[in-house]
Amino acid sequence: MVIPLSSVAEYFIYAVFVLGLALVGTSDKAWKFEQTWIWLAIVLYIGIGLSHGIVMPNARRMKGLAGELVAGGPPPAGAPPGP
């Protein structure tokens, strides 16, 4: 089974969030969670994660339905034109 590169990249993108939290936590107060840019980045990553949770299942389903349409072939002879 071949795993698409985009799936592998997703795991690395999600790991950036976890590793960033670990970096801030172990920075000996060089960076703090109270700094604006850090909590804005956290909010942004959470928003991206939520949108992926909503959009990605629908995209996979649409891809499967498009495959079914292609596999169905052309309409039968004598069928009315249009969708």
N, C-alpha and C. Protein backbone atom coordinates (compact mmCIF):
# COMPACT_ATOMS: atom_id res chain seq x y z
N MET A 1 0.84 -1.17 0.00
CA MET A 1 0.00 0.00 0.00
C MET A 1 0.89 1.24 0.00
N VAL A 2 0.61 2.16 -0.90
CA VAL A 2 1.38 3.39 -1.03
C VAL A 2 0.63 4.51 -0.30
N ILE A 3 1.33 5.18 0.58
CA ILE A 3 0.74 6.30 1.32
C ILE A 3 1.06 7.58 0.55
N PRO A 4 0.04 8.37 0.22
CA PRO A 4 0.30 9.61 -0.52
C PRO A 4 1.15 10.58 0.30
N LEU A 5 1.98 11.33 -0.39
CA LEU A 5 2.87 12.28 0.27
C LEU A 5 2.10 13.32 1.07
N SER A 6 0.93 13.71 0.59
CA SER A 6 0.15 14.72 1.31
C SER A 6 -0.28 14.20 2.68
N SER A 7 -0.53 12.90 2.80
CA SER A 7 -0.90 12.33 4.10
C SER A 7 0.28 12.36 5.06
N VAL A 8 1.46 12.07 4.56
CA VAL A 8 2.66 12.12 5.39
C VAL A 8 2.92 13.55 5.83
N ALA A 9 2.75 14.51 4.92
CA ALA A 9 2.98 15.91 5.24
C ALA A 9 2.01 16.40 6.31
N GLU A 10 0.78 15.90 6.30
CA GLU A 10 -0.19 16.29 7.32
C GLU A 10 0.31 15.95 8.71
N TYR A 11 0.89 14.78 8.87
CA TYR A 11 1.39 14.38 10.19
C TYR A 11 2.52 15.29 10.64
N PHE A 12 3.39 15.70 9.74
CA PHE A 12 4.46 16.62 10.11
C PHE A 12 3.91 18.00 10.46
N ILE A 13 2.89 18.44 9.75
CA ILE A 13 2.28 19.74 10.06
C ILE A 13 1.65 19.71 11.44
N TYR A 14 0.97 18.62 11.79
CA TYR A 14 0.39 18.50 13.12
C TYR A 14 1.47 18.36 14.19
N ALA A 15 2.59 17.75 13.86
CA ALA A 15 3.68 17.60 14.82
C ALA A 15 4.31 18.95 15.15
N VAL A 16 4.28 19.90 14.23
CA VAL A 16 4.82 21.23 14.49
C VAL A 16 4.10 21.86 15.68
N PHE A 17 2.80 21.67 15.76
CA PHE A 17 2.03 22.23 16.88
C PHE A 17 2.48 21.63 18.21
N VAL A 18 2.57 20.32 18.25
CA VAL A 18 2.96 19.64 19.48
C VAL A 18 4.40 20.00 19.86
N LEU A 19 5.29 19.99 18.89
CA LEU A 19 6.68 20.33 19.17
C LEU A 19 6.83 21.80 19.57
N GLY A 20 6.01 22.67 19.02
CA GLY A 20 6.04 24.08 19.41
C GLY A 20 5.60 24.27 20.85
N LEU A 21 4.56 23.55 21.25
CA LEU A 21 4.13 23.61 22.65
C LEU A 21 5.24 23.11 23.57
N ALA A 22 5.89 22.04 23.17
CA ALA A 22 6.99 21.50 23.97
C ALA A 22 8.14 22.50 24.06
N LEU A 23 8.43 23.18 22.96
CA LEU A 23 9.51 24.16 22.95
C LEU A 23 9.21 25.32 23.89
N VAL A 24 7.99 25.83 23.84
CA VAL A 24 7.63 26.93 24.73
C VAL A 24 7.67 26.45 26.18
N GLY A 25 7.20 25.25 26.43
CA GLY A 25 7.19 24.72 27.79
C GLY A 25 8.58 24.50 28.37
N THR A 26 9.55 24.19 27.53
CA THR A 26 10.90 23.89 28.02
C THR A 26 11.89 25.03 27.77
N SER A 27 11.39 26.24 27.50
CA SER A 27 12.28 27.34 27.10
C SER A 27 12.86 28.12 28.27
N ASP A 28 12.68 27.68 29.49
CA ASP A 28 13.18 28.39 30.68
C ASP A 28 12.71 29.85 30.69
N LYS A 29 11.46 30.04 30.36
CA LYS A 29 10.80 31.35 30.38
C LYS A 29 11.33 32.34 29.33
N ALA A 30 12.09 31.86 28.35
CA ALA A 30 12.48 32.73 27.24
C ALA A 30 11.24 33.09 26.42
N TRP A 31 10.35 32.12 26.26
CA TRP A 31 9.06 32.34 25.63
C TRP A 31 8.00 31.93 26.63
N LYS A 32 6.91 32.65 26.64
CA LYS A 32 5.82 32.37 27.58
C LYS A 32 4.52 32.25 26.79
N PHE A 33 3.62 31.45 27.33
CA PHE A 33 2.32 31.27 26.67
C PHE A 33 1.51 32.56 26.69
N GLU A 34 1.85 33.50 27.55
CA GLU A 34 1.13 34.76 27.63
C GLU A 34 1.50 35.72 26.49
N GLN A 35 2.59 35.44 25.77
CA GLN A 35 2.98 36.32 24.66
C GLN A 35 1.95 36.21 23.55
N THR A 36 1.60 37.35 22.99
CA THR A 36 0.51 37.42 22.01
C THR A 36 0.76 36.52 20.81
N TRP A 37 1.93 36.53 20.25
CA TRP A 37 2.20 35.76 19.03
C TRP A 37 2.08 34.27 19.29
N ILE A 38 2.36 33.83 20.52
CA ILE A 38 2.27 32.40 20.82
C ILE A 38 0.82 31.97 20.92
N TRP A 39 -0.01 32.71 21.67
CA TRP A 39 -1.39 32.26 21.78
C TRP A 39 -2.16 32.48 20.49
N LEU A 40 -1.76 33.46 19.67
CA LEU A 40 -2.40 33.60 18.36
C LEU A 40 -2.05 32.42 17.45
N ALA A 41 -0.80 31.95 17.53
CA ALA A 41 -0.40 30.77 16.75
C ALA A 41 -1.18 29.54 17.21
N ILE A 42 -1.39 29.41 18.51
CA ILE A 42 -2.16 28.28 19.03
C ILE A 42 -3.59 28.33 18.51
N VAL A 43 -4.21 29.52 18.56
CA VAL A 43 -5.58 29.67 18.05
C VAL A 43 -5.64 29.34 16.56
N LEU A 44 -4.65 29.80 15.80
CA LEU A 44 -4.61 29.52 14.36
C LEU A 44 -4.50 28.02 14.09
N TYR A 45 -3.61 27.34 14.81
CA TYR A 45 -3.47 25.90 14.61
C TYR A 45 -4.73 25.14 15.00
N ILE A 46 -5.39 25.57 16.06
CA ILE A 46 -6.64 24.91 16.45
C ILE A 46 -7.70 25.13 15.37
N GLY A 47 -7.76 26.34 14.83
CA GLY A 47 -8.70 26.61 13.74
C GLY A 47 -8.42 25.76 12.51
N ILE A 48 -7.15 25.61 12.17
CA ILE A 48 -6.78 24.76 11.03
C ILE A 48 -7.16 23.31 11.30
N GLY A 49 -6.92 22.85 12.52
CA GLY A 49 -7.28 21.48 12.88
C GLY A 49 -8.77 21.23 12.80
N LEU A 50 -9.57 22.19 13.27
CA LEU A 50 -11.02 22.05 13.19
C LEU A 50 -11.50 22.04 11.74
N SER A 51 -10.94 22.93 10.92
CA SER A 51 -11.37 22.96 9.52
C SER A 51 -10.98 21.68 8.80
N HIS A 52 -9.80 21.12 9.12
CA HIS A 52 -9.42 19.83 8.53
C HIS A 52 -10.36 18.74 8.98
N GLY A 53 -10.77 18.78 10.23
CA GLY A 53 -11.70 17.77 10.73
C GLY A 53 -13.05 17.81 10.06
N ILE A 54 -13.44 18.99 9.60
CA ILE A 54 -14.73 19.15 8.93
C ILE A 54 -14.61 18.92 7.43
N VAL A 55 -13.58 19.50 6.82
CA VAL A 55 -13.45 19.50 5.36
C VAL A 55 -12.91 18.18 4.81
N MET A 56 -11.91 17.61 5.45
CA MET A 56 -11.23 16.43 4.89
C MET A 56 -12.16 15.22 4.71
N PRO A 57 -13.02 14.87 5.67
CA PRO A 57 -13.92 13.74 5.42
C PRO A 57 -14.85 13.98 4.22
N ASN A 58 -15.33 15.23 4.08
CA ASN A 58 -16.19 15.54 2.93
C ASN A 58 -15.41 15.46 1.62
N ALA A 59 -14.17 15.90 1.62
CA ALA A 59 -13.36 15.84 0.41
C ALA A 59 -13.11 14.38 0.01
N ARG A 60 -12.84 13.53 0.99
CA ARG A 60 -12.63 12.11 0.68
C ARG A 60 -13.91 11.49 0.10
N ARG A 61 -15.05 11.84 0.67
CA ARG A 61 -16.32 11.31 0.17
C ARG A 61 -16.59 11.80 -1.25
N MET A 62 -16.34 13.08 -1.53
CA MET A 62 -16.54 13.60 -2.88
C MET A 62 -15.63 12.92 -3.88
N LYS A 63 -14.39 12.63 -3.47
CA LYS A 63 -13.46 11.94 -4.35
C LYS A 63 -13.96 10.53 -4.66
N GLY A 64 -14.50 9.86 -3.66
CA GLY A 64 -15.07 8.53 -3.88
C GLY A 64 -16.28 8.56 -4.80
N LEU A 65 -17.15 9.54 -4.61
CA LEU A 65 -18.33 9.67 -5.47
C LEU A 65 -17.94 10.01 -6.91
N ALA A 66 -16.91 10.83 -7.09
CA ALA A 66 -16.44 11.14 -8.44
C ALA A 66 -15.90 9.88 -9.11
N GLY A 67 -15.21 9.04 -8.34
CA GLY A 67 -14.71 7.78 -8.88
C GLY A 67 -15.85 6.87 -9.31
N GLU A 68 -16.93 6.86 -8.53
CA GLU A 68 -18.10 6.06 -8.90
C GLU A 68 -18.73 6.57 -10.19
N LEU A 69 -18.79 7.90 -10.34
CA LEU A 69 -19.34 8.46 -11.58
C LEU A 69 -18.50 8.08 -12.79
N VAL A 70 -17.20 8.13 -12.64
CA VAL A 70 -16.31 7.77 -13.76
C VAL A 70 -16.46 6.30 -14.08
N ALA A 71 -16.56 5.45 -13.06
CA ALA A 71 -16.69 4.01 -13.29
C ALA A 71 -18.02 3.64 -13.91
N GLY A 72 -19.04 4.51 -13.75
CA GLY A 72 -20.36 4.22 -14.29
C GLY A 72 -20.41 4.26 -15.81
N GLY A 73 -19.50 4.97 -16.43
CA GLY A 73 -19.47 5.07 -17.89
C GLY A 73 -20.47 6.08 -18.41
N PRO A 74 -20.62 6.10 -19.72
CA PRO A 74 -21.53 7.08 -20.34
C PRO A 74 -22.99 6.71 -20.07
N PRO A 75 -23.89 7.65 -20.25
CA PRO A 75 -25.32 7.35 -20.06
C PRO A 75 -25.80 6.34 -21.12
N PRO A 76 -26.84 5.60 -20.81
CA PRO A 76 -27.36 4.65 -21.80
C PRO A 76 -27.92 5.34 -23.04
N ALA A 77 -27.95 4.61 -24.14
CA ALA A 77 -28.46 5.18 -25.39
C ALA A 77 -29.94 5.56 -25.22
N GLY A 78 -30.30 6.71 -25.73
CA GLY A 78 -31.68 7.17 -25.67
C GLY A 78 -32.00 7.91 -24.39
N ALA A 79 -31.03 8.09 -23.51
CA ALA A 79 -31.27 8.83 -22.26
C ALA A 79 -31.40 10.29 -22.55
N PRO A 80 -32.24 11.03 -21.82
CA PRO A 80 -32.37 12.46 -22.08
C PRO A 80 -31.07 13.17 -21.73
N PRO A 81 -30.73 14.25 -22.45
CA PRO A 81 -29.48 14.97 -22.18
C PRO A 81 -29.59 15.76 -20.87
N GLY A 82 -28.44 16.08 -20.29
CA GLY A 82 -28.40 16.90 -19.09
C GLY A 82 -28.20 16.06 -17.85
N PRO A 83 -28.09 16.73 -16.72
CA PRO A 83 -27.84 16.02 -15.46
C PRO A 83 -29.06 15.27 -14.95
